[in-house]
Amino acid sequence: MVRLPRPSQNTRQDAHWTFLSNHAHVLVCLARDPRMRLRDAAGRVGVTERAVQKIVADLERAGVLTRSREGRRNRYDIHTDAPLRHPVEGQRTVRDLLAALLAADELAALERPSPPAEAANL
């Protein structure tokens, strides 16, 4: 009997593509943990740290996120009202995308103002 993989499993021939871009993957990582090190995001996404640095720079230039320094780490604040960039989804926002990918409490955390830097270090 030949066993076929379940549709949700990646097979060798289709493992080279995903429904979301690396930009979306990095955005989701930073939305879940705004203080995540880029090295850790790279490991989760499966790309180099340098690739994540370029993606973060792209997202920053596009107004999707803002990087700020907190002690020895960066904090990444997501601008959920930023529009998506492709004409197909141009009427949608970053919030719409993240609403489909994050748990409700994770999305709600993005909507709250950031705590002051000294409170974040406690």
C-alpha atoms as a PDB file:
ATOM      1  CA  MET A   1       0.000   0.000   0.000  1.00  0.00           C
ATOM      2  CA  VAL A   2       1.399   3.410  -0.996  1.00  0.00           C
ATOM      3  CA  ARG A   3       1.081   6.044   1.676  1.00  0.00           C
ATOM      4  CA  LEU A   4       0.466   9.576   0.447  1.00  0.00           C
ATOM      5  CA  PRO A   5       1.422  12.547   2.629  1.00  0.00           C
ATOM      6  CA  ARG A   6      -1.380  14.508   4.257  1.00  0.00           C
ATOM      7  CA  PRO A   7      -2.015  17.833   2.476  1.00  0.00           C
ATOM      8  CA  SER A   8      -0.675  19.843   5.424  1.00  0.00           C
ATOM      9  CA  GLN A   9       2.720  18.139   5.270  1.00  0.00           C
ATOM     10  CA  ASN A  10       5.463  19.515   3.052  1.00  0.00           C
ATOM     11  CA  THR A  11       6.849  17.098   0.534  1.00  0.00           C
ATOM     12  CA  ARG A  12      10.247  17.451  -1.069  1.00  0.00           C
ATOM     13  CA  GLN A  13       8.929  18.817  -4.343  1.00  0.00           C
ATOM     14  CA  ASP A  14       6.763  21.556  -2.773  1.00  0.00           C
ATOM     15  CA  ALA A  15       8.949  22.541   0.195  1.00  0.00           C
ATOM     16  CA  HIS A  16      10.577  25.395  -1.763  1.00  0.00           C
ATOM     17  CA  TRP A  17       7.603  27.782  -1.528  1.00  0.00           C
ATOM     18  CA  THR A  18       5.196  29.071   1.097  1.00  0.00           C
ATOM     19  CA  PHE A  19       2.078  31.202   1.010  1.00  0.00           C
ATOM     20  CA  LEU A  20       3.796  34.071   2.827  1.00  0.00           C
ATOM     21  CA  SER A  21       6.979  35.940   1.992  1.00  0.00           C
ATOM     22  CA  ASN A  22       9.977  36.161   4.282  1.00  0.00           C
ATOM     23  CA  HIS A  23       8.930  39.771   4.946  1.00  0.00           C
ATOM     24  CA  ALA A  24       5.625  38.488   6.364  1.00  0.00           C
ATOM     25  CA  HIS A  25       7.404  35.802   8.385  1.00  0.00           C
ATOM     26  CA  VAL A  26       9.766  38.356   9.957  1.00  0.00           C
ATOM     27  CA  LEU A  27       6.841  40.702  10.641  1.00  0.00           C
ATOM     28  CA  VAL A  28       4.960  37.928  12.449  1.00  0.00           C
ATOM     29  CA  CYS A  29       8.051  37.082  14.536  1.00  0.00           C
ATOM     30  CA  LEU A  30       8.493  40.715  15.579  1.00  0.00           C
ATOM     31  CA  ALA A  31       4.773  41.137  16.216  1.00  0.00           C
ATOM     32  CA  ARG A  32       4.864  38.170  18.590  1.00  0.00           C
ATOM     33  CA  ASP A  33       8.022  39.368  20.335  1.00  0.00           C
ATOM     34  CA  PRO A  34       8.896  43.054  19.730  1.00  0.00           C
ATOM     35  CA  ARG A  35      12.254  42.576  21.477  1.00  0.00           C
ATOM     36  CA  MET A  36      13.296  39.494  19.508  1.00  0.00           C
ATOM     37  CA  ARG A  37      16.905  39.435  18.365  1.00  0.00           C
ATOM     38  CA  LEU A  38      17.237  39.385  14.581  1.00  0.00           C
ATOM     39  CA  ARG A  39      19.450  36.312  14.927  1.00  0.00           C
ATOM     40  CA  ASP A  40      16.528  34.492  16.543  1.00  0.00           C
ATOM     41  CA  ALA A  41      14.094  35.705  13.877  1.00  0.00           C
ATOM     42  CA  ALA A  42      16.499  34.449  11.199  1.00  0.00           C
ATOM     43  CA  GLY A  43      16.542  31.022  12.814  1.00  0.00           C
ATOM     44  CA  ARG A  44      12.754  30.840  12.933  1.00  0.00           C
ATOM     45  CA  VAL A  45      12.275  32.063   9.366  1.00  0.00           C
ATOM     46  CA  GLY A  46      15.115  29.954   7.974  1.00  0.00           C
ATOM     47  CA  VAL A  47      17.182  32.737   6.437  1.00  0.00           C
ATOM     48  CA  THR A  48      20.427  34.477   7.352  1.00  0.00           C
ATOM     49  CA  GLU A  49      20.649  37.219   9.941  1.00  0.00           C
ATOM     50  CA  ARG A  50      21.776  39.581   7.174  1.00  0.00           C
ATOM     51  CA  ALA A  51      18.610  38.782   5.186  1.00  0.00           C
ATOM     52  CA  VAL A  52      16.490  39.640   8.241  1.00  0.00           C
ATOM     53  CA  GLN A  53      18.411  42.908   8.669  1.00  0.00           C
ATOM     54  CA  LYS A  54      17.548  43.829   5.072  1.00  0.00           C
ATOM     55  CA  ILE A  55      13.899  42.846   5.582  1.00  0.00           C
ATOM     56  CA  VAL A  56      13.663  44.964   8.748  1.00  0.00           C
ATOM     57  CA  ALA A  57      15.205  47.910   6.867  1.00  0.00           C
ATOM     58  CA  ASP A  58      12.607  47.433   4.080  1.00  0.00           C
ATOM     59  CA  LEU A  59       9.760  47.314   6.605  1.00  0.00           C
ATOM     60  CA  GLU A  60      11.111  50.384   8.376  1.00  0.00           C
ATOM     61  CA  ARG A  61      11.415  52.367   5.105  1.00  0.00           C
ATOM     62  CA  ALA A  62       7.861  51.363   4.183  1.00  0.00           C
ATOM     63  CA  GLY A  63       6.528  52.667   7.505  1.00  0.00           C
ATOM     64  CA  VAL A  64       5.446  49.214   8.691  1.00  0.00           C
ATOM     65  CA  LEU A  65       7.624  49.247  11.795  1.00  0.00           C
ATOM     66  CA  THR A  66       9.804  51.516  13.885  1.00  0.00           C
ATOM     67  CA  ARG A  67      12.985  50.394  15.561  1.00  0.00           C
ATOM     68  CA  SER A  68      13.987  51.896  18.905  1.00  0.00           C
ATOM     69  CA  ARG A  69      16.785  51.119  21.312  1.00  0.00           C
ATOM     70  CA  GLU A  70      16.025  49.646  24.755  1.00  0.00           C
ATOM     71  CA  GLY A  71      19.246  49.092  26.650  1.00  0.00           C
ATOM     72  CA  ARG A  72      21.361  46.678  24.643  1.00  0.00           C
ATOM     73  CA  ARG A  73      18.454  45.511  22.471  1.00  0.00           C
ATOM     74  CA  ASN A  74      16.151  46.895  19.844  1.00  0.00           C
ATOM     75  CA  ARG A  75      12.389  47.069  20.136  1.00  0.00           C
ATOM     76  CA  TYR A  76      10.256  46.839  17.004  1.00  0.00           C
ATOM     77  CA  ASP A  77       6.894  48.615  17.075  1.00  0.00           C
ATOM     78  CA  ILE A  78       4.503  47.510  14.341  1.00  0.00           C
ATOM     79  CA  HIS A  79       2.325  50.146  12.679  1.00  0.00           C
ATOM     80  CA  THR A  80      -0.820  48.129  12.165  1.00  0.00           C
ATOM     81  CA  ASP A  81      -2.546  50.885  10.200  1.00  0.00           C
ATOM     82  CA  ALA A  82       0.092  50.768   7.422  1.00  0.00           C
ATOM     83  CA  PRO A  83      -1.377  49.621   4.095  1.00  0.00           C
ATOM     84  CA  LEU A  84      -0.193  46.444   2.407  1.00  0.00           C
ATOM     85  CA  ARG A  85       1.935  47.217  -0.622  1.00  0.00           C
ATOM     86  CA  HIS A  86       0.701  45.058  -3.495  1.00  0.00           C
ATOM     87  CA  PRO A  87      -2.261  46.324  -5.565  1.00  0.00           C
ATOM     88  CA  VAL A  88      -4.125  43.042  -5.010  1.00  0.00           C
ATOM     89  CA  GLU A  89      -4.334  43.710  -1.263  1.00  0.00           C
ATOM     90  CA  GLY A  90      -3.806  47.492  -1.322  1.00  0.00           C
ATOM     91  CA  GLN A  91      -7.087  48.194   0.463  1.00  0.00           C
ATOM     92  CA  ARG A  92      -5.957  46.037   3.419  1.00  0.00           C
ATOM     93  CA  THR A  93      -3.691  46.972   6.308  1.00  0.00           C
ATOM     94  CA  VAL A  94      -0.937  45.278   8.275  1.00  0.00           C
ATOM     95  CA  ARG A  95      -3.563  44.771  11.013  1.00  0.00           C
ATOM     96  CA  ASP A  96      -5.704  42.747   8.573  1.00  0.00           C
ATOM     97  CA  LEU A  97      -2.773  40.502   7.702  1.00  0.00           C
ATOM     98  CA  LEU A  98      -1.717  39.995  11.298  1.00  0.00           C
ATOM     99  CA  ALA A  99      -5.315  39.329  12.385  1.00  0.00           C
ATOM    100  CA  ALA A 100      -5.241  36.235  10.183  1.00  0.00           C
ATOM    101  CA  LEU A 101      -1.907  35.021  11.572  1.00  0.00           C
ATOM    102  CA  LEU A 102      -1.805  35.940  15.259  1.00  0.00           C
ATOM    103  CA  ALA A 103      -3.862  34.918  18.257  1.00  0.00           C
ATOM    104  CA  ALA A 104      -6.348  37.552  19.428  1.00  0.00           C
ATOM    105  CA  ASP A 105      -4.280  38.400  22.533  1.00  0.00           C
ATOM    106  CA  GLU A 106      -1.119  38.824  20.421  1.00  0.00           C
ATOM    107  CA  LEU A 107      -2.945  41.225  18.101  1.00  0.00           C
ATOM    108  CA  ALA A 108      -4.415  43.140  21.053  1.00  0.00           C
ATOM    109  CA  ALA A 109      -0.914  43.549  22.515  1.00  0.00           C
ATOM    110  CA  LEU A 110       0.155  45.308  19.296  1.00  0.00           C
ATOM    111  CA  GLU A 111      -2.663  47.824  19.676  1.00  0.00           C
ATOM    112  CA  ARG A 112      -1.603  48.870  23.204  1.00  0.00           C
ATOM    113  CA  PRO A 113       0.929  51.672  23.607  1.00  0.00           C
ATOM    114  CA  SER A 114       4.488  50.566  24.334  1.00  0.00           C
ATOM    115  CA  PRO A 115       5.530  50.706  27.997  1.00  0.00           C
ATOM    116  CA  PRO A 116       8.256  53.205  28.889  1.00  0.00           C
ATOM    117  CA  ALA A 117      11.777  51.815  28.417  1.00  0.00           C
ATOM    118  CA  GLU A 118      12.538  51.735  32.155  1.00  0.00           C
ATOM    119  CA  ALA A 119       9.328  49.775  32.874  1.00  0.00           C
ATOM    120  CA  ALA A 120      10.176  47.281  30.126  1.00  0.00           C
ATOM    121  CA  ASN A 121      13.492  46.448  31.819  1.00  0.00           C
ATOM    122  CA  LEU A 122      11.905  45.463  35.160  1.00  0.00           C
END
